[in-house]
Structure formats: structure tokens, C-alpha cells
């Protein structure tokens, strides 16, 4: 599996490119404001054909360049509870953050031509093949937003520089990668005080993920460095507090 990361200039939001191999089909996750040109350069340099864009949630810094990346033909997948945010993602941030974002974004917002809900098969069982060679499983993770979703992919990772220190493959020799959006961060978690956030739901999400995912799961957040679930269970004060509640 090829796993690549680049960072958008606005709010340092990470975008990820996932493909089965060089020269194959790719999924782009969370193309933030100002990332489109760099995403296209990555796709070209690795001879990848874009087949899908997926956003972990509908906040403006994670979706802003989705239309520029996807064009008219490629679907942009989002969990249904967050689909409304793609009508006006800056406005959905509220009256304080929304105007700020429109000022710092290098281009005006453009709604993607093909916004589609994450396929039902993606959200159950072993996930769904979004493009040849890339199986994605989505786990609902509300709390930061109503539709926040953790995206799981599994494989032997070729883009090894993306993996955090201490990342280990599972018993099958493959890495389980969780693209977390703004649910987990290294040493922290996503904020719950914006519109659509819910502190209790976030705590339940954290408990569910910590108890259901293998400890070696690699957590790749939308901002900052990657980490490993086992490390966060041991040291992340927000996660530890959530686990202690029940």
C-alpha cells in the first residue's frame, strides 16, 4: 500500500493519498485549503489515477479544495450527518471562525460536483473497495462534528516516512492505519465547542475506538504528528479521562 501525506498551507491540515501501489488508483483524504496543486503533483509523480476523494468530516479546513482535486467526474464522499456542511463549510463554522476562514483561504469555496454519502458497505463489515486496491472501512466517530468518521485502511505501507516512531505491523505483517481527521491527535483530541460538537458523544467515541481497535493501530490525524493507539491509551489525558468514566 502506498500512503503519502502533504500539509495544506491553511491551518496546517494534512491531506493523505492512499493507493494500492505506484501507478494504480488513489483515494485522497481531506484536501484542505491550498492543497490542490500539491495533491495533483503527488498523483502525477507516482503515476496515480484519482478515483475518489473522502473527507473525514465537513469542517472547512478539511474539505476546501475537494472540488479542485476531484473535478467534475470524481465523487467526494462524506458521512451523511456532515453532508450539509459542504453547502457552506465556512458558514457552518459559525460567525467567529467562518469569516476568518474565508479571508485566509486562497480561493473561494466551490461545492464539489459529485458529493455522495459514504457507501453503506464502507460503514459495515470489512469495508468497501473505493478504488481498485484500496479498501476503506469507516467508523462513525461523532463528537467533533455530527458526521466525523475515522477511516481505516490496512496494508504493508510503502510510504514509510508517514508512520510515527514505534509503529508496528500487526500479526499479519500489515499496518492498520486510522485516518482520524480531528478525532484523535497526539496527546489530545478534537474540540467539541464548535457547532455540531458534543463532549459526551466525543467521550463515547474515544471509548469505542480505544476498546475496539488493536493497540498497534497507527493514528494519523488531520493536524500534527501521527501516533499509535497504545501510546495514547497510556498517556493521552483526554482519552484516559474518557476511559475512566465508564
Protein backbone atom coordinates (compact mmCIF):
# COMPACT_ATOMS: atom_id res chain seq x y z
CA UNK A 1 0.00 0.00 0.00
CA UNK A 2 1.23 3.47 -0.89
CA UNK A 3 0.50 6.07 1.79
CA UNK A 4 1.51 9.69 1.24
CA UNK A 5 0.91 12.86 3.23
CA UNK A 6 1.06 16.54 2.44
CA UNK A 7 0.11 19.56 4.51
CA UNK A 8 -2.17 22.37 3.33
CA UNK A 9 -0.94 25.92 3.99
CA UNK A 10 -4.13 26.97 5.80
CA UNK A 11 -4.24 25.67 9.39
CA UNK A 12 -1.62 23.01 8.52
CA UNK A 13 -4.26 20.43 7.69
CA UNK A 14 -2.92 17.10 6.45
CA UNK A 15 -4.20 15.52 3.26
CA UNK A 16 -3.48 11.85 2.63
CA UNK A 17 -3.13 9.91 -0.61
CA UNK A 18 -3.78 6.17 -0.41
CA UNK A 19 -3.21 3.73 -3.27
CA UNK A 20 -2.64 0.04 -3.70
CA UNK A 21 0.68 0.68 -5.45
CA UNK A 22 2.57 3.10 -7.67
CA UNK A 23 0.78 3.55 -10.97
CA UNK A 24 -2.57 2.48 -9.55
CA UNK A 25 -5.77 4.17 -8.46
CA UNK A 26 -5.81 6.53 -5.49
CA UNK A 27 -8.08 7.88 -2.80
CA UNK A 28 -7.39 11.40 -1.50
CA UNK A 29 -8.48 12.14 2.07
CA UNK A 30 -9.15 15.66 3.39
CA UNK A 31 -7.80 18.04 0.72
CA UNK A 32 -7.58 21.26 2.71
CA UNK A 33 -7.37 24.87 1.56
CA UNK A 34 -4.46 25.42 -0.78
CA UNK A 35 -3.61 21.72 -1.19
CA UNK A 36 -4.94 21.03 -4.70
CA UNK A 37 -1.76 21.74 -6.66
CA UNK A 38 0.39 19.66 -4.30
CA UNK A 39 -2.13 16.80 -4.42
CA UNK A 40 -2.07 16.78 -8.21
CA UNK A 41 1.74 16.86 -8.18
CA UNK A 42 1.83 13.82 -5.88
CA UNK A 43 -0.62 11.93 -8.05
CA UNK A 44 1.41 12.71 -11.15
CA UNK A 45 4.80 11.86 -9.64
CA UNK A 46 3.52 8.45 -8.50
CA UNK A 47 1.58 7.82 -11.74
CA UNK A 48 -1.70 7.57 -9.82
CA UNK A 49 -5.21 7.90 -11.19
CA UNK A 50 -7.58 9.62 -8.80
CA UNK A 51 -10.72 7.57 -8.18
CA UNK A 52 -12.26 9.08 -5.05
CA UNK A 53 -12.00 11.89 -2.52
CA UNK A 54 -13.11 11.21 1.05
CA UNK A 55 -13.45 13.73 3.85
CA UNK A 56 -13.31 12.68 7.49
CA UNK A 57 -15.71 15.48 8.40
CA UNK A 58 -17.16 18.65 6.93
CA UNK A 59 -15.05 21.38 8.54
CA UNK A 60 -13.74 23.91 6.06
CA UNK A 61 -10.05 23.19 6.60
CA UNK A 62 -10.58 19.54 5.58
CA UNK A 63 -12.82 19.99 2.52
CA UNK A 64 -11.94 23.33 0.93
CA UNK A 65 -10.04 22.04 -2.10
CA UNK A 66 -12.24 18.97 -2.66
CA UNK A 67 -13.77 20.41 -5.85
CA UNK A 68 -10.39 21.45 -7.26
CA UNK A 69 -8.97 17.98 -6.60
CA UNK A 70 -11.98 15.94 -7.72
CA UNK A 71 -13.04 17.89 -10.78
CA UNK A 72 -16.43 17.10 -12.26
CA UNK A 73 -16.18 13.31 -12.51
CA UNK A 74 -14.66 12.02 -9.25
CA UNK A 75 -17.00 11.51 -6.28
CA UNK A 76 -16.42 13.28 -2.98
CA UNK A 77 -17.60 11.05 -0.15
CA UNK A 78 -18.77 12.39 3.21
CA UNK A 79 -20.78 10.85 6.05
CA UNK A 80 -24.43 11.81 5.74
CA UNK A 81 -24.68 13.79 9.02
CA UNK A 82 -21.97 16.18 7.76
CA UNK A 83 -23.16 16.47 4.15
CA UNK A 84 -24.94 19.78 4.81
CA UNK A 85 -21.62 21.37 5.69
CA UNK A 86 -20.45 21.11 2.09
CA UNK A 87 -23.07 23.67 1.07
CA UNK A 88 -21.18 26.35 3.03
CA UNK A 89 -18.34 24.93 5.15
CA UNK A 90 -17.07 28.30 6.34
CA UNK A 91 -20.59 29.37 7.36
CA UNK A 92 -21.01 26.12 9.26
CA UNK A 93 -18.06 27.12 11.44
CA UNK A 94 -20.14 29.94 12.91
CA UNK A 95 -19.92 33.75 12.92
CA UNK A 96 -16.50 33.92 14.57
CA UNK A 97 -14.44 31.36 12.64
CA UNK A 98 -16.33 31.41 9.36
CA UNK A 99 -15.34 34.93 8.21
CA UNK A 100 -11.75 34.29 9.28
CA UNK A 101 -11.55 31.19 7.13
CA UNK A 102 -12.89 32.87 4.03
CA UNK A 103 -10.26 35.59 4.48
CA UNK A 104 -7.30 33.21 4.78
CA UNK A 105 -8.41 30.65 2.15
CA UNK A 106 -6.51 31.27 -1.10
CA UNK A 107 -9.57 30.59 -3.29
CA UNK A 108 -13.34 30.98 -2.82
CA UNK A 109 -15.39 27.96 -1.77
CA UNK A 110 -16.69 25.79 -4.59
CA UNK A 111 -19.02 22.90 -3.83
CA UNK A 112 -17.84 19.63 -5.42
CA UNK A 113 -19.84 18.49 -8.42
CA UNK A 114 -20.40 14.97 -7.05
CA UNK A 115 -20.99 14.89 -3.30
CA UNK A 116 -22.05 11.40 -2.26
CA UNK A 117 -22.63 9.65 1.08
CA UNK A 118 -20.03 7.17 2.18
CA UNK A 119 -21.20 3.82 0.76
CA UNK A 120 -23.14 1.69 3.23
CA UNK A 121 -20.68 -1.15 2.65
CA UNK A 122 -17.87 1.14 3.76
CA UNK A 123 -19.54 1.59 7.13
CA UNK A 124 -20.01 -2.10 7.92
CA UNK A 125 -18.07 -5.34 7.97
CA UNK A 126 -14.68 -5.24 6.37
CA UNK A 127 -15.31 -2.03 4.45
CA UNK A 128 -15.65 -1.25 0.76
CA UNK A 129 -13.28 -1.06 -2.20
CA UNK A 130 -13.46 2.63 -3.12
CA UNK A 131 -10.86 2.22 -5.87
CA UNK A 132 -9.05 -0.91 -7.07
CA UNK A 133 -6.53 -1.92 -4.41
CA UNK A 134 -7.87 0.31 -1.62
CA UNK A 135 -10.41 -1.00 0.87
CA UNK A 136 -11.73 1.64 3.28
CA UNK A 137 -13.73 0.96 6.42
CA UNK A 138 -15.47 3.89 8.09
CA UNK A 139 -16.22 4.08 11.81
CA UNK A 140 -18.73 6.74 12.90
CA UNK A 141 -16.93 8.98 15.39
CA UNK A 142 -19.26 11.85 16.38
CA UNK A 143 -18.27 14.45 18.92
CA UNK A 144 -16.08 16.85 16.97
CA UNK A 145 -18.85 17.09 14.37
CA UNK A 146 -22.01 15.05 13.92
CA UNK A 147 -20.59 13.11 11.00
CA UNK A 148 -16.93 12.76 11.96
CA UNK A 149 -15.65 9.43 10.65
CA UNK A 150 -12.43 7.52 11.28
CA UNK A 151 -11.25 5.83 8.08
CA UNK A 152 -9.39 2.52 8.39
CA UNK A 153 -7.06 1.13 5.74
CA UNK A 154 -4.78 -1.89 6.04
CA UNK A 155 -1.63 -2.87 4.21
CA UNK A 156 2.13 -3.05 4.14
CA UNK A 157 2.95 0.62 3.97
CA UNK A 158 5.38 1.79 1.30
CA UNK A 159 5.26 5.46 2.35
CA UNK A 160 7.13 4.53 5.50
CA UNK A 161 8.09 8.13 6.37
CA UNK A 162 4.44 8.79 7.20
CA UNK A 163 4.44 6.28 10.05
CA UNK A 164 5.21 7.57 13.56
CA UNK A 165 8.08 6.24 15.64
CA UNK A 166 7.13 2.97 17.30
CA UNK A 167 4.58 1.99 14.67
CA UNK A 168 4.46 -1.77 14.32
CA UNK A 169 2.73 -4.10 11.91
CA UNK A 170 0.08 -6.47 13.21
CA UNK A 171 0.37 -10.26 13.39
CA UNK A 172 -0.43 -10.44 9.67
CA UNK A 173 2.58 -8.25 8.81
CA UNK A 174 0.37 -5.34 7.78
CA UNK A 175 -0.26 -1.96 9.35
CA UNK A 176 -3.74 -0.92 10.40
CA UNK A 177 -3.96 2.80 9.66
CA UNK A 178 -6.67 5.05 11.13
CA UNK A 179 -7.07 8.36 9.32
CA UNK A 180 -8.60 10.26 12.20
CA UNK A 181 -9.44 13.73 10.97
CA UNK A 182 -9.89 15.76 14.14
CA UNK A 183 -10.95 12.93 16.47
CA UNK A 184 -7.51 11.96 17.80
CA UNK A 185 -4.33 13.98 17.99
CA UNK A 186 -1.02 13.01 19.53
CA UNK A 187 -1.64 13.81 23.19
CA UNK A 188 -5.01 15.46 22.60
CA UNK A 189 -8.41 15.12 20.93
CA UNK A 190 -10.65 17.24 18.76
CA UNK A 191 -12.51 20.20 20.21
CA UNK A 192 -16.21 19.88 20.92
CA UNK A 193 -17.21 23.53 21.36
CA UNK A 194 -17.97 24.28 17.70
CA UNK A 195 -21.38 23.87 16.10
CA UNK A 196 -22.25 20.18 15.93
CA UNK A 197 -19.74 19.22 18.60
CA UNK A 198 -20.77 17.23 21.64
CA UNK A 199 -18.50 16.46 24.60
CA UNK A 200 -20.44 13.38 25.72
CA UNK A 201 -20.50 11.94 22.21
CA UNK A 202 -16.78 12.55 21.88
CA UNK A 203 -16.10 10.68 25.11
CA UNK A 204 -18.19 7.75 23.87
CA UNK A 205 -16.36 7.80 20.55
CA UNK A 206 -12.98 7.74 22.29
CA UNK A 207 -14.02 4.80 24.46
CA UNK A 208 -15.37 2.88 21.49
CA UNK A 209 -12.24 3.36 19.41
CA UNK A 210 -9.85 2.60 22.27
CA UNK A 211 -11.67 -0.62 23.11
CA UNK A 212 -12.37 -1.88 19.61
CA UNK A 213 -9.17 -1.14 17.68
CA UNK A 214 -5.94 -3.15 18.14
CA UNK A 215 -3.33 -1.40 20.31
CA UNK A 216 -0.87 -1.24 17.40
CA UNK A 217 -3.29 0.83 15.29
CA UNK A 218 -1.48 3.79 13.71
CA UNK A 219 -3.38 7.04 14.23
CA UNK A 220 -2.81 9.64 11.52
CA UNK A 221 -4.62 12.85 12.48
CA UNK A 222 -5.63 15.84 10.43
CA UNK A 223 -3.11 18.04 12.22
CA UNK A 224 0.23 17.39 13.86
CA UNK A 225 2.27 14.20 14.14
CA UNK A 226 0.99 10.66 13.93
CA UNK A 227 0.86 8.38 16.92
CA UNK A 228 -0.10 4.86 18.00
CA UNK A 229 -3.27 3.90 19.86
CA UNK A 230 -1.40 2.03 22.59
CA UNK A 231 0.66 5.13 23.34
CA UNK A 232 -2.44 7.34 23.51
CA UNK A 233 -4.24 4.96 25.85
CA UNK A 234 -1.25 5.16 28.18
CA UNK A 235 -0.52 8.88 28.01
CA UNK A 236 -3.32 10.94 26.43
CA UNK A 237 -5.11 12.68 29.33
CA UNK A 238 -8.33 13.23 27.37
CA UNK A 239 -8.55 9.60 26.32
CA UNK A 240 -7.68 8.37 29.80
CA UNK A 241 -10.39 10.58 31.30
CA UNK A 242 -12.95 9.23 28.83
CA UNK A 243 -11.99 5.64 29.63
CA UNK A 244 -12.20 6.31 33.36
CA UNK A 245 -15.82 7.48 33.13
CA UNK A 246 -17.11 4.01 32.46
